[in-house]
């Protein structure tokens, strides 16, 4: 009896070992530009996995980035050989079947070859991925991409609608929060190319009375690197009595990285002059072209200033908090002009 059981067990092991390790995708997100705020589901199945094997996921945006976050690099394989997790957008996705002893890197210039602790690699890119091009608009002589997919700025999910961003006959950019049958929709535009160091100016009509649940942010943002972000933020962050504006150097939870101030009524110019190791934020009344400039606020950051790289300029109007207070009305923000001086 024991002999027969041993033979049967040996036969099962031999059969299992004959199955070559492989990975297949059962669900793939569409291709998209790297975005640290948005997650989509990715799933698949493995064959020939051994006990203790796991999946490591990567998304490609300039290089291969581990998914969904570096703190949680492994995706478990279920008893039925399936796996599922989330990933940030990329132009390609990869699933790597690895031994439990494998130590995955945070980023890779090239995916690892099979062998040793890497048992199988599957890649999805190009024609395998459904690509939905972002709508574009022209504002102040530059091309901007209009967000049309969900996002979670400040950790709160927002639905974005491309119809909430447009340029009028005067060349002014309009951003809108609008109510639909499915809830509130937000607006976001991103400059389609990186400009690097220089002076950035935005001429913005009165936003001093923006609803406490809403936020207007103007950011220099590099989604390929952690905390590579600088912001001008117009919001009371849910506190009706709070100051309504701030300059921010990420990470925001460090006290020296935030300078709050009050943005008064009227037309204001918000700007930041970004140079290596230093960025000077400034807000003035009007378009700042007069001989006497009425300064509302200014502040210089000299620590933690990100270097120029693959950053873009992002303008985002979104719902910050829809739990403490009830948002009753939509709103519209008008930015008359954007200017960049190298």
C-alpha atoms as a PDB file:
ATOM      1  CA  UNK A   1       0.000   0.000   0.000  1.00  0.00           C
ATOM      2  CA  UNK A   2       2.766   2.449   1.008  1.00  0.00           C
ATOM      3  CA  UNK A   3       4.724   1.509  -2.107  1.00  0.00           C
ATOM      4  CA  UNK A   4       1.750   2.203  -4.379  1.00  0.00           C
ATOM      5  CA  UNK A   5       1.144   5.565  -2.696  1.00  0.00           C
ATOM      6  CA  UNK A   6       4.791   6.498  -3.150  1.00  0.00           C
ATOM      7  CA  UNK A   7       4.672   5.533  -6.822  1.00  0.00           C
ATOM      8  CA  UNK A   8       1.481   7.544  -7.329  1.00  0.00           C
ATOM      9  CA  UNK A   9       2.970  10.593  -5.593  1.00  0.00           C
ATOM     10  CA  UNK A  10       6.130  10.364  -7.643  1.00  0.00           C
ATOM     11  CA  UNK A  11       3.994  10.126 -10.780  1.00  0.00           C
ATOM     12  CA  UNK A  12       2.074  13.309  -9.819  1.00  0.00           C
ATOM     13  CA  UNK A  13       5.263  15.216  -9.158  1.00  0.00           C
ATOM     14  CA  UNK A  14       6.747  14.125 -12.450  1.00  0.00           C
ATOM     15  CA  UNK A  15       3.594  15.206 -14.300  1.00  0.00           C
ATOM     16  CA  UNK A  16       3.627  18.606 -12.548  1.00  0.00           C
ATOM     17  CA  UNK A  17       7.274  19.175 -13.351  1.00  0.00           C
ATOM     18  CA  UNK A  18       6.605  18.490 -17.019  1.00  0.00           C
ATOM     19  CA  UNK A  19       4.343  21.581 -17.256  1.00  0.00           C
ATOM     20  CA  UNK A  20       6.476  24.481 -18.444  1.00  0.00           C
ATOM     21  CA  UNK A  21       5.890  27.628 -16.341  1.00  0.00           C
ATOM     22  CA  UNK A  22       3.839  30.210 -18.223  1.00  0.00           C
ATOM     23  CA  UNK A  23       1.625  33.259 -17.660  1.00  0.00           C
ATOM     24  CA  UNK A  24      -1.382  34.505 -19.579  1.00  0.00           C
ATOM     25  CA  UNK A  25      -3.402  37.692 -19.170  1.00  0.00           C
ATOM     26  CA  UNK A  26      -7.173  37.501 -18.778  1.00  0.00           C
ATOM     27  CA  UNK A  27      -7.728  41.228 -18.209  1.00  0.00           C
ATOM     28  CA  UNK A  28      -5.569  44.131 -19.374  1.00  0.00           C
ATOM     29  CA  UNK A  29      -6.001  47.884 -18.869  1.00  0.00           C
ATOM     30  CA  UNK A  30      -5.756  50.132 -21.919  1.00  0.00           C
ATOM     31  CA  UNK A  31      -2.423  51.738 -22.643  1.00  0.00           C
ATOM     32  CA  UNK A  32      -1.974  55.109 -21.020  1.00  0.00           C
ATOM     33  CA  UNK A  33       0.555  57.684 -19.922  1.00  0.00           C
ATOM     34  CA  UNK A  34       2.180  57.106 -16.543  1.00  0.00           C
ATOM     35  CA  UNK A  35      -0.140  58.350 -13.797  1.00  0.00           C
ATOM     36  CA  UNK A  36       0.476  57.941 -10.085  1.00  0.00           C
ATOM     37  CA  UNK A  37      -3.147  58.718  -9.190  1.00  0.00           C
ATOM     38  CA  UNK A  38      -5.092  56.174 -11.243  1.00  0.00           C
ATOM     39  CA  UNK A  39      -5.325  52.393 -10.802  1.00  0.00           C
ATOM     40  CA  UNK A  40      -6.940  49.776 -13.036  1.00  0.00           C
ATOM     41  CA  UNK A  41      -7.431  46.041 -12.722  1.00  0.00           C
ATOM     42  CA  UNK A  42      -5.041  43.562 -14.304  1.00  0.00           C
ATOM     43  CA  UNK A  43      -5.531  39.793 -14.034  1.00  0.00           C
ATOM     44  CA  UNK A  44      -4.388  36.487 -15.443  1.00  0.00           C
ATOM     45  CA  UNK A  45      -3.575  32.820 -14.917  1.00  0.00           C
ATOM     46  CA  UNK A  46      -0.393  30.799 -14.498  1.00  0.00           C
ATOM     47  CA  UNK A  47       0.563  27.253 -15.439  1.00  0.00           C
ATOM     48  CA  UNK A  48       3.365  25.211 -13.948  1.00  0.00           C
ATOM     49  CA  UNK A  49       3.682  27.298 -10.784  1.00  0.00           C
ATOM     50  CA  UNK A  50       5.312  25.682  -7.759  1.00  0.00           C
ATOM     51  CA  UNK A  51       4.244  26.187  -4.139  1.00  0.00           C
ATOM     52  CA  UNK A  52       5.550  29.529  -2.935  1.00  0.00           C
ATOM     53  CA  UNK A  53       5.745  31.078  -6.418  1.00  0.00           C
ATOM     54  CA  UNK A  54       4.342  34.582  -6.806  1.00  0.00           C
ATOM     55  CA  UNK A  55       3.639  37.169  -9.485  1.00  0.00           C
ATOM     56  CA  UNK A  56       5.480  40.483  -9.757  1.00  0.00           C
ATOM     57  CA  UNK A  57       3.778  43.126 -11.915  1.00  0.00           C
ATOM     58  CA  UNK A  58       5.378  46.004 -13.821  1.00  0.00           C
ATOM     59  CA  UNK A  59       4.022  48.922 -15.896  1.00  0.00           C
ATOM     60  CA  UNK A  60       6.172  50.682 -18.482  1.00  0.00           C
ATOM     61  CA  UNK A  61       6.478  54.472 -18.450  1.00  0.00           C
ATOM     62  CA  UNK A  62       9.979  55.434 -19.503  1.00  0.00           C
ATOM     63  CA  UNK A  63      11.148  52.363 -17.599  1.00  0.00           C
ATOM     64  CA  UNK A  64       9.468  49.399 -15.909  1.00  0.00           C
ATOM     65  CA  UNK A  65       7.859  50.346 -12.560  1.00  0.00           C
ATOM     66  CA  UNK A  66       6.790  47.741 -10.011  1.00  0.00           C
ATOM     67  CA  UNK A  67       3.028  47.614  -9.407  1.00  0.00           C
ATOM     68  CA  UNK A  68       0.849  48.563  -7.699  1.00  0.00           C
ATOM     69  CA  UNK A  69       3.315  50.109  -5.212  1.00  0.00           C
ATOM     70  CA  UNK A  70       6.855  49.265  -4.178  1.00  0.00           C
ATOM     71  CA  UNK A  71       5.715  48.511  -0.608  1.00  0.00           C
ATOM     72  CA  UNK A  72       3.534  45.649  -1.914  1.00  0.00           C
ATOM     73  CA  UNK A  73       5.556  44.096  -4.755  1.00  0.00           C
ATOM     74  CA  UNK A  74       3.968  40.618  -4.853  1.00  0.00           C
ATOM     75  CA  UNK A  75       0.685  39.356  -6.259  1.00  0.00           C
ATOM     76  CA  UNK A  76      -0.595  36.101  -4.804  1.00  0.00           C
ATOM     77  CA  UNK A  77      -1.490  33.118  -6.991  1.00  0.00           C
ATOM     78  CA  UNK A  78      -4.854  31.668  -6.023  1.00  0.00           C
ATOM     79  CA  UNK A  79      -5.547  27.912  -5.647  1.00  0.00           C
ATOM     80  CA  UNK A  80      -7.208  27.890  -9.079  1.00  0.00           C
ATOM     81  CA  UNK A  81      -3.976  29.337 -10.591  1.00  0.00           C
ATOM     82  CA  UNK A  82      -5.492  32.790 -11.208  1.00  0.00           C
ATOM     83  CA  UNK A  83      -4.128  36.124 -10.011  1.00  0.00           C
ATOM     84  CA  UNK A  84      -5.482  39.669  -9.930  1.00  0.00           C
ATOM     85  CA  UNK A  85      -4.257  43.069  -8.755  1.00  0.00           C
ATOM     86  CA  UNK A  86      -4.153  46.752  -9.704  1.00  0.00           C
ATOM     87  CA  UNK A  87      -1.691  48.687 -11.833  1.00  0.00           C
ATOM     88  CA  UNK A  88      -1.050  52.286 -12.757  1.00  0.00           C
ATOM     89  CA  UNK A  89      -1.325  53.115 -16.466  1.00  0.00           C
ATOM     90  CA  UNK A  90       1.581  52.434 -18.797  1.00  0.00           C
ATOM     91  CA  UNK A  91       2.355  51.858 -22.454  1.00  0.00           C
ATOM     92  CA  UNK A  92       3.056  48.228 -21.579  1.00  0.00           C
ATOM     93  CA  UNK A  93       2.431  45.741 -18.771  1.00  0.00           C
ATOM     94  CA  UNK A  94       4.443  42.750 -17.592  1.00  0.00           C
ATOM     95  CA  UNK A  95       3.784  39.834 -15.242  1.00  0.00           C
ATOM     96  CA  UNK A  96       6.768  37.888 -13.921  1.00  0.00           C
ATOM     97  CA  UNK A  97       6.416  34.492 -12.229  1.00  0.00           C
ATOM     98  CA  UNK A  98       9.076  34.239  -9.537  1.00  0.00           C
ATOM     99  CA  UNK A  99      10.261  31.957  -6.772  1.00  0.00           C
ATOM    100  CA  UNK A 100       9.303  33.048  -3.258  1.00  0.00           C
ATOM    101  CA  UNK A 101      12.921  34.004  -2.560  1.00  0.00           C
ATOM    102  CA  UNK A 102      13.049  36.556  -5.407  1.00  0.00           C
ATOM    103  CA  UNK A 103      13.732  40.164  -4.342  1.00  0.00           C
ATOM    104  CA  UNK A 104      12.116  42.462  -6.931  1.00  0.00           C
ATOM    105  CA  UNK A 105      13.642  45.849  -7.773  1.00  0.00           C
ATOM    106  CA  UNK A 106      11.482  48.972  -7.728  1.00  0.00           C
ATOM    107  CA  UNK A 107      12.349  49.856 -11.332  1.00  0.00           C
ATOM    108  CA  UNK A 108      13.955  48.117 -14.283  1.00  0.00           C
ATOM    109  CA  UNK A 109      15.330  49.360 -17.584  1.00  0.00           C
ATOM    110  CA  UNK A 110      14.703  45.875 -19.028  1.00  0.00           C
ATOM    111  CA  UNK A 111      12.643  42.957 -17.781  1.00  0.00           C
ATOM    112  CA  UNK A 112      14.580  40.032 -16.271  1.00  0.00           C
ATOM    113  CA  UNK A 113      15.255  36.962 -18.438  1.00  0.00           C
ATOM    114  CA  UNK A 114      13.872  33.604 -17.369  1.00  0.00           C
ATOM    115  CA  UNK A 115      16.159  31.415 -15.343  1.00  0.00           C
ATOM    116  CA  UNK A 116      17.066  30.939 -11.703  1.00  0.00           C
ATOM    117  CA  UNK A 117      14.415  32.569  -9.502  1.00  0.00           C
ATOM    118  CA  UNK A 118      12.555  33.975 -12.546  1.00  0.00           C
ATOM    119  CA  UNK A 119      10.372  31.204 -13.916  1.00  0.00           C
ATOM    120  CA  UNK A 120       8.293  32.955 -16.605  1.00  0.00           C
ATOM    121  CA  UNK A 121       7.710  36.417 -18.079  1.00  0.00           C
ATOM    122  CA  UNK A 122       4.648  37.697 -19.973  1.00  0.00           C
ATOM    123  CA  UNK A 123       4.485  41.110 -21.654  1.00  0.00           C
ATOM    124  CA  UNK A 124       1.513  42.983 -23.105  1.00  0.00           C
ATOM    125  CA  UNK A 125       2.113  46.085 -25.219  1.00  0.00           C
ATOM    126  CA  UNK A 126       1.401  47.624 -28.588  1.00  0.00           C
ATOM    127  CA  UNK A 127      -1.559  46.155 -30.434  1.00  0.00           C
ATOM    128  CA  UNK A 128      -2.482  43.979 -27.445  1.00  0.00           C
ATOM    129  CA  UNK A 129      -3.643  47.046 -25.545  1.00  0.00           C
ATOM    130  CA  UNK A 130      -6.661  49.153 -26.290  1.00  0.00           C
ATOM    131  CA  UNK A 131      -5.434  52.744 -26.476  1.00  0.00           C
ATOM    132  CA  UNK A 132      -7.832  55.589 -25.864  1.00  0.00           C
ATOM    133  CA  UNK A 133      -6.232  58.846 -26.900  1.00  0.00           C
ATOM    134  CA  UNK A 134      -6.845  61.789 -24.592  1.00  0.00           C
ATOM    135  CA  UNK A 135      -8.681  64.764 -26.121  1.00  0.00           C
ATOM    136  CA  UNK A 136      -6.490  67.802 -26.741  1.00  0.00           C
ATOM    137  CA  UNK A 137      -7.008  71.558 -26.646  1.00  0.00           C
ATOM    138  CA  UNK A 138      -4.849  74.625 -27.392  1.00  0.00           C
ATOM    139  CA  UNK A 139      -4.463  77.280 -24.717  1.00  0.00           C
ATOM    140  CA  UNK A 140      -2.022  80.211 -24.698  1.00  0.00           C
ATOM    141  CA  UNK A 141      -0.098  78.720 -27.614  1.00  0.00           C
ATOM    142  CA  UNK A 142       0.437  75.290 -26.041  1.00  0.00           C
ATOM    143  CA  UNK A 143      -1.189  71.902 -26.508  1.00  0.00           C
ATOM    144  CA  UNK A 144      -2.880  70.420 -23.430  1.00  0.00           C
ATOM    145  CA  UNK A 145      -4.251  66.927 -22.829  1.00  0.00           C
ATOM    146  CA  UNK A 146      -7.745  66.776 -21.288  1.00  0.00           C
ATOM    147  CA  UNK A 147      -8.417  64.098 -18.699  1.00  0.00           C
ATOM    148  CA  UNK A 148     -11.344  61.809 -19.459  1.00  0.00           C
ATOM    149  CA  UNK A 149     -10.744  58.936 -17.013  1.00  0.00           C
ATOM    150  CA  UNK A 150     -11.245  58.661 -13.215  1.00  0.00           C
ATOM    151  CA  UNK A 151      -8.564  59.823 -10.822  1.00  0.00           C
ATOM    152  CA  UNK A 152      -7.997  60.183  -7.088  1.00  0.00           C
ATOM    153  CA  UNK A 153      -6.251  63.477  -6.308  1.00  0.00           C
ATOM    154  CA  UNK A 154      -5.717  63.897  -2.552  1.00  0.00           C
ATOM    155  CA  UNK A 155      -6.848  60.303  -2.147  1.00  0.00           C
ATOM    156  CA  UNK A 156     -10.484  60.947  -3.133  1.00  0.00           C
ATOM    157  CA  UNK A 157     -11.881  59.448  -6.309  1.00  0.00           C
ATOM    158  CA  UNK A 158     -13.133  61.914  -8.918  1.00  0.00           C
ATOM    159  CA  UNK A 159     -14.862  61.308 -12.221  1.00  0.00           C
ATOM    160  CA  UNK A 160     -13.444  63.465 -15.018  1.00  0.00           C
ATOM    161  CA  UNK A 161     -15.308  64.576 -18.121  1.00  0.00           C
ATOM    162  CA  UNK A 162     -13.474  66.060 -21.103  1.00  0.00           C
ATOM    163  CA  UNK A 163     -16.433  68.358 -21.773  1.00  0.00           C
ATOM    164  CA  UNK A 164     -15.612  70.177 -18.528  1.00  0.00           C
ATOM    165  CA  UNK A 165     -12.539  71.808 -20.086  1.00  0.00           C
ATOM    166  CA  UNK A 166     -12.641  74.125 -23.111  1.00  0.00           C
ATOM    167  CA  UNK A 167     -11.186  77.335 -24.572  1.00  0.00           C
ATOM    168  CA  UNK A 168     -13.569  80.161 -25.505  1.00  0.00           C
ATOM    169  CA  UNK A 169     -13.439  82.656 -28.360  1.00  0.00           C
ATOM    170  CA  UNK A 170     -11.195  84.950 -26.298  1.00  0.00           C
ATOM    171  CA  UNK A 171      -8.633  82.206 -25.769  1.00  0.00           C
ATOM    172  CA  UNK A 172      -9.531  81.766 -22.082  1.00  0.00           C
ATOM    173  CA  UNK A 173      -9.409  78.311 -20.506  1.00  0.00           C
ATOM    174  CA  UNK A 174     -12.584  77.201 -18.694  1.00  0.00           C
ATOM    175  CA  UNK A 175     -12.629  74.392 -16.119  1.00  0.00           C
ATOM    176  CA  UNK A 176     -15.917  73.194 -14.679  1.00  0.00           C
ATOM    177  CA  UNK A 177     -17.369  71.062 -11.889  1.00  0.00           C
ATOM    178  CA  UNK A 178     -20.671  69.727 -13.178  1.00  0.00           C
ATOM    179  CA  UNK A 179     -23.433  67.524 -11.776  1.00  0.00           C
ATOM    180  CA  UNK A 180     -24.539  64.518 -13.840  1.00  0.00           C
ATOM    181  CA  UNK A 181     -26.869  61.612 -13.182  1.00  0.00           C
ATOM    182  CA  UNK A 182     -23.873  59.674 -11.853  1.00  0.00           C
ATOM    183  CA  UNK A 183     -22.592  62.458  -9.565  1.00  0.00           C
ATOM    184  CA  UNK A 184     -20.144  65.335  -9.824  1.00  0.00           C
ATOM    185  CA  UNK A 185     -17.566  65.456 -12.606  1.00  0.00           C
ATOM    186  CA  UNK A 186     -14.237  67.297 -12.484  1.00  0.00           C
ATOM    187  CA  UNK A 187     -11.815  68.882 -14.968  1.00  0.00           C
ATOM    188  CA  UNK A 188      -8.085  68.508 -15.576  1.00  0.00           C
ATOM    189  CA  UNK A 189      -5.638  69.522 -18.300  1.00  0.00           C
ATOM    190  CA  UNK A 190      -1.953  68.613 -18.650  1.00  0.00           C
ATOM    191  CA  UNK A 191       0.661  70.274 -20.802  1.00  0.00           C
ATOM    192  CA  UNK A 192       1.723  67.705 -23.394  1.00  0.00           C
ATOM    193  CA  UNK A 193       5.442  68.504 -23.184  1.00  0.00           C
ATOM    194  CA  UNK A 194       7.991  69.294 -20.521  1.00  0.00           C
ATOM    195  CA  UNK A 195       9.347  72.849 -20.393  1.00  0.00           C
ATOM    196  CA  UNK A 196      11.909  72.558 -17.592  1.00  0.00           C
ATOM    197  CA  UNK A 197      13.332  75.376 -15.497  1.00  0.00           C
ATOM    198  CA  UNK A 198      11.870  78.832 -15.928  1.00  0.00           C
ATOM    199  CA  UNK A 199       9.101  81.204 -14.901  1.00  0.00           C
ATOM    200  CA  UNK A 200       5.505  79.954 -15.070  1.00  0.00           C
ATOM    201  CA  UNK A 201       2.579  82.396 -14.804  1.00  0.00           C
ATOM    202  CA  UNK A 202      -1.179  81.850 -14.668  1.00  0.00           C
ATOM    203  CA  UNK A 203      -3.675  84.716 -14.850  1.00  0.00           C
ATOM    204  CA  UNK A 204      -6.751  83.481 -12.947  1.00  0.00           C
ATOM    205  CA  UNK A 205     -10.117  85.133 -12.448  1.00  0.00           C
ATOM    206  CA  UNK A 206     -11.554  85.384  -8.932  1.00  0.00           C
ATOM    207  CA  UNK A 207     -11.518  82.011  -7.131  1.00  0.00           C
ATOM    208  CA  UNK A 208     -11.513  83.421  -3.593  1.00  0.00           C
ATOM    209  CA  UNK A 209     -15.003  82.051  -2.883  1.00  0.00           C
ATOM    210  CA  UNK A 210     -14.391  78.532  -4.187  1.00  0.00           C
ATOM    211  CA  UNK A 211     -16.567  76.047  -2.323  1.00  0.00           C
ATOM    212  CA  UNK A 212     -14.664  74.511   0.658  1.00  0.00           C
ATOM    213  CA  UNK A 213     -15.166  71.083  -0.888  1.00  0.00           C
ATOM    214  CA  UNK A 214     -13.391  72.040  -4.100  1.00  0.00           C
ATOM    215  CA  UNK A 215      -9.738  72.467  -4.987  1.00  0.00           C
ATOM    216  CA  UNK A 216      -7.987  74.184  -7.878  1.00  0.00           C
ATOM    217  CA  UNK A 217      -4.374  73.067  -8.167  1.00  0.00           C
ATOM    218  CA  UNK A 218      -1.631  74.213 -10.528  1.00  0.00           C
ATOM    219  CA  UNK A 219       1.222  71.727 -10.389  1.00  0.00           C
ATOM    220  CA  UNK A 220       4.578  70.873 -11.836  1.00  0.00           C
ATOM    221  CA  UNK A 221       4.281  67.112 -11.648  1.00  0.00           C
ATOM    222  CA  UNK A 222       6.554  64.207 -12.583  1.00  0.00           C
ATOM    223  CA  UNK A 223       4.618  60.957 -12.317  1.00  0.00           C
ATOM    224  CA  UNK A 224       7.743  58.856 -12.879  1.00  0.00           C
ATOM    225  CA  UNK A 225       9.360  59.802  -9.554  1.00  0.00           C
ATOM    226  CA  UNK A 226       8.145  59.990  -5.963  1.00  0.00           C
ATOM    227  CA  UNK A 227       7.505  63.481  -4.525  1.00  0.00           C
ATOM    228  CA  UNK A 228       8.658  65.260  -7.695  1.00  0.00           C
ATOM    229  CA  UNK A 229       5.874  67.812  -7.420  1.00  0.00           C
ATOM    230  CA  UNK A 230       5.360  71.516  -6.665  1.00  0.00           C
ATOM    231  CA  UNK A 231       1.901  73.053  -6.309  1.00  0.00           C
ATOM    232  CA  UNK A 232      -0.153  76.212  -6.121  1.00  0.00           C
ATOM    233  CA  UNK A 233      -3.363  75.105  -4.404  1.00  0.00           C
ATOM    234  CA  UNK A 234      -6.554  77.134  -4.050  1.00  0.00           C
ATOM    235  CA  UNK A 235      -8.747  75.390  -1.492  1.00  0.00           C
ATOM    236  CA  UNK A 236      -9.999  75.580   2.073  1.00  0.00           C
ATOM    237  CA  UNK A 237      -9.706  71.768   2.249  1.00  0.00           C
ATOM    238  CA  UNK A 238     -13.154  71.359   3.769  1.00  0.00           C
ATOM    239  CA  UNK A 239     -12.798  74.133   6.378  1.00  0.00           C
ATOM    240  CA  UNK A 240     -15.048  77.115   5.511  1.00  0.00           C
ATOM    241  CA  UNK A 241     -13.082  79.335   7.936  1.00  0.00           C
ATOM    242  CA  UNK A 242      -9.634  78.287   6.724  1.00  0.00           C
ATOM    243  CA  UNK A 243      -7.162  80.158   4.536  1.00  0.00           C
ATOM    244  CA  UNK A 244      -7.934  79.513   0.918  1.00  0.00           C
ATOM    245  CA  UNK A 245      -4.513  79.151  -0.744  1.00  0.00           C
ATOM    246  CA  UNK A 246      -1.070  77.643  -0.287  1.00  0.00           C
ATOM    247  CA  UNK A 247       2.244  76.933  -1.970  1.00  0.00           C
ATOM    248  CA  UNK A 248       3.384  73.330  -1.567  1.00  0.00           C
ATOM    249  CA  UNK A 249       6.564  71.354  -2.052  1.00  0.00           C
ATOM    250  CA  UNK A 250       5.881  67.621  -1.837  1.00  0.00           C
ATOM    251  CA  UNK A 251       5.725  65.765   0.465  1.00  0.00           C
ATOM    252  CA  UNK A 252       3.079  68.089   1.907  1.00  0.00           C
ATOM    253  CA  UNK A 253       3.098  66.517   5.389  1.00  0.00           C
ATOM    254  CA  UNK A 254       6.440  68.167   6.221  1.00  0.00           C
ATOM    255  CA  UNK A 255       5.641  71.527   7.830  1.00  0.00           C
ATOM    256  CA  UNK A 256       8.376  73.537   6.019  1.00  0.00           C
ATOM    257  CA  UNK A 257       6.929  72.353   2.683  1.00  0.00           C
ATOM    258  CA  UNK A 258       3.670  74.323   2.979  1.00  0.00           C
ATOM    259  CA  UNK A 259       3.112  78.080   2.986  1.00  0.00           C
ATOM    260  CA  UNK A 260      -0.552  79.057   3.459  1.00  0.00           C
ATOM    261  CA  UNK A 261      -1.997  82.478   2.614  1.00  0.00           C
ATOM    262  CA  UNK A 262      -5.259  84.221   1.745  1.00  0.00           C
ATOM    263  CA  UNK A 263      -6.049  84.789  -1.926  1.00  0.00           C
ATOM    264  CA  UNK A 264      -8.288  87.898  -2.104  1.00  0.00           C
ATOM    265  CA  UNK A 265     -11.095  88.645  -4.500  1.00  0.00           C
ATOM    266  CA  UNK A 266     -10.339  89.700  -8.038  1.00  0.00           C
ATOM    267  CA  UNK A 267      -8.039  88.819 -10.915  1.00  0.00           C
ATOM    268  CA  UNK A 268      -4.738  87.371  -9.669  1.00  0.00           C
ATOM    269  CA  UNK A 269      -1.512  86.156 -11.236  1.00  0.00           C
ATOM    270  CA  UNK A 270      -0.068  83.029  -9.661  1.00  0.00           C
ATOM    271  CA  UNK A 271       3.518  82.208 -10.616  1.00  0.00           C
ATOM    272  CA  UNK A 272       6.580  80.192  -9.729  1.00  0.00           C
ATOM    273  CA  UNK A 273      10.142  80.758 -10.878  1.00  0.00           C
ATOM    274  CA  UNK A 274      11.864  77.363 -10.885  1.00  0.00           C
ATOM    275  CA  UNK A 275      15.650  77.155 -10.951  1.00  0.00           C
ATOM    276  CA  UNK A 276      18.108  74.426  -9.867  1.00  0.00           C
ATOM    277  CA  UNK A 277      17.756  74.046  -6.095  1.00  0.00           C
ATOM    278  CA  UNK A 278      15.276  76.903  -5.684  1.00  0.00           C
ATOM    279  CA  UNK A 279      11.705  77.820  -6.551  1.00  0.00           C
ATOM    280  CA  UNK A 280      10.101  81.227  -5.854  1.00  0.00           C
ATOM    281  CA  UNK A 281       6.305  81.318  -5.634  1.00  0.00           C
ATOM    282  CA  UNK A 282       4.443  84.603  -5.981  1.00  0.00           C
ATOM    283  CA  UNK A 283       0.867  85.873  -6.198  1.00  0.00           C
ATOM    284  CA  UNK A 284       0.038  89.427  -7.286  1.00  0.00           C
ATOM    285  CA  UNK A 285      -3.111  91.379  -8.052  1.00  0.00           C
ATOM    286  CA  UNK A 286      -4.043  91.809 -11.696  1.00  0.00           C
ATOM    287  CA  UNK A 287      -1.782  90.692 -14.501  1.00  0.00           C
ATOM    288  CA  UNK A 288       1.387  91.942 -12.784  1.00  0.00           C
ATOM    289  CA  UNK A 289       2.281  94.200 -15.703  1.00  0.00           C
ATOM    290  CA  UNK A 290       1.951  97.557 -13.940  1.00  0.00           C
ATOM    291  CA  UNK A 291       4.814  99.660 -12.650  1.00  0.00           C
ATOM    292  CA  UNK A 292       3.677  98.983  -9.084  1.00  0.00           C
ATOM    293  CA  UNK A 293       2.920  95.338  -8.414  1.00  0.00           C
ATOM    294  CA  UNK A 294       0.584  94.631  -5.502  1.00  0.00           C
ATOM    295  CA  UNK A 295       2.038  91.463  -3.973  1.00  0.00           C
ATOM    296  CA  UNK A 296      -0.452  89.201  -2.213  1.00  0.00           C
ATOM    297  CA  UNK A 297       1.979  86.475  -1.128  1.00  0.00           C
ATOM    298  CA  UNK A 298       5.428  85.140  -1.953  1.00  0.00           C
ATOM    299  CA  UNK A 299       7.652  82.371  -0.662  1.00  0.00           C
ATOM    300  CA  UNK A 300      10.899  80.667  -1.654  1.00  0.00           C
ATOM    301  CA  UNK A 301      11.686  76.970  -1.194  1.00  0.00           C
ATOM    302  CA  UNK A 302      15.344  75.946  -1.228  1.00  0.00           C
ATOM    303  CA  UNK A 303      15.073  72.424   0.189  1.00  0.00           C
ATOM    304  CA  UNK A 304      13.655  69.409  -1.612  1.00  0.00           C
ATOM    305  CA  UNK A 305      13.246  71.289  -4.899  1.00  0.00           C
ATOM    306  CA  UNK A 306      12.940  68.636  -7.634  1.00  0.00           C
ATOM    307  CA  UNK A 307      15.301  68.732 -10.615  1.00  0.00           C
ATOM    308  CA  UNK A 308      13.953  69.280 -14.116  1.00  0.00           C
ATOM    309  CA  UNK A 309      13.211  66.033 -15.896  1.00  0.00           C
ATOM    310  CA  UNK A 310      10.015  64.660 -17.385  1.00  0.00           C
ATOM    311  CA  UNK A 311       7.631  66.890 -15.458  1.00  0.00           C
ATOM    312  CA  UNK A 312       4.523  68.435 -16.915  1.00  0.00           C
ATOM    313  CA  UNK A 313       2.229  71.269 -15.872  1.00  0.00           C
ATOM    314  CA  UNK A 314      -1.149  70.115 -14.591  1.00  0.00           C
ATOM    315  CA  UNK A 315      -4.227  72.216 -13.821  1.00  0.00           C
ATOM    316  CA  UNK A 316      -6.849  70.303 -11.859  1.00  0.00           C
ATOM    317  CA  UNK A 317     -10.271  71.380 -10.568  1.00  0.00           C
ATOM    318  CA  UNK A 318     -11.793  68.644  -8.439  1.00  0.00           C
ATOM    319  CA  UNK A 319     -13.968  67.699  -5.468  1.00  0.00           C
ATOM    320  CA  UNK A 320     -11.855  67.409  -2.339  1.00  0.00           C
ATOM    321  CA  UNK A 321     -14.432  66.216   0.221  1.00  0.00           C
ATOM    322  CA  UNK A 322     -18.011  65.093  -0.325  1.00  0.00           C
ATOM    323  CA  UNK A 323     -18.663  63.612   3.133  1.00  0.00           C
ATOM    324  CA  UNK A 324     -18.414  66.384   5.713  1.00  0.00           C
ATOM    325  CA  UNK A 325     -20.478  68.812   3.643  1.00  0.00           C
ATOM    326  CA  UNK A 326     -22.937  68.483   0.806  1.00  0.00           C
ATOM    327  CA  UNK A 327     -21.864  70.077  -2.463  1.00  0.00           C
ATOM    328  CA  UNK A 328     -24.893  71.983  -3.695  1.00  0.00           C
ATOM    329  CA  UNK A 329     -23.682  73.752  -6.815  1.00  0.00           C
ATOM    330  CA  UNK A 330     -21.207  73.260  -9.594  1.00  0.00           C
ATOM    331  CA  UNK A 331     -18.639  75.906 -10.412  1.00  0.00           C
ATOM    332  CA  UNK A 332     -16.517  77.257 -13.241  1.00  0.00           C
ATOM    333  CA  UNK A 333     -12.975  78.603 -13.128  1.00  0.00           C
ATOM    334  CA  UNK A 334     -11.504  80.792 -15.878  1.00  0.00           C
ATOM    335  CA  UNK A 335      -7.781  81.055 -16.519  1.00  0.00           C
ATOM    336  CA  UNK A 336      -7.171  83.871 -18.948  1.00  0.00           C
ATOM    337  CA  UNK A 337      -3.539  83.217 -19.777  1.00  0.00           C
ATOM    338  CA  UNK A 338      -0.591  80.893 -19.249  1.00  0.00           C
ATOM    339  CA  UNK A 339       2.917  82.180 -19.838  1.00  0.00           C
ATOM    340  CA  UNK A 340       6.307  80.481 -19.711  1.00  0.00           C
ATOM    341  CA  UNK A 341       9.617  82.335 -19.747  1.00  0.00           C
ATOM    342  CA  UNK A 342      12.776  80.180 -19.832  1.00  0.00           C
END
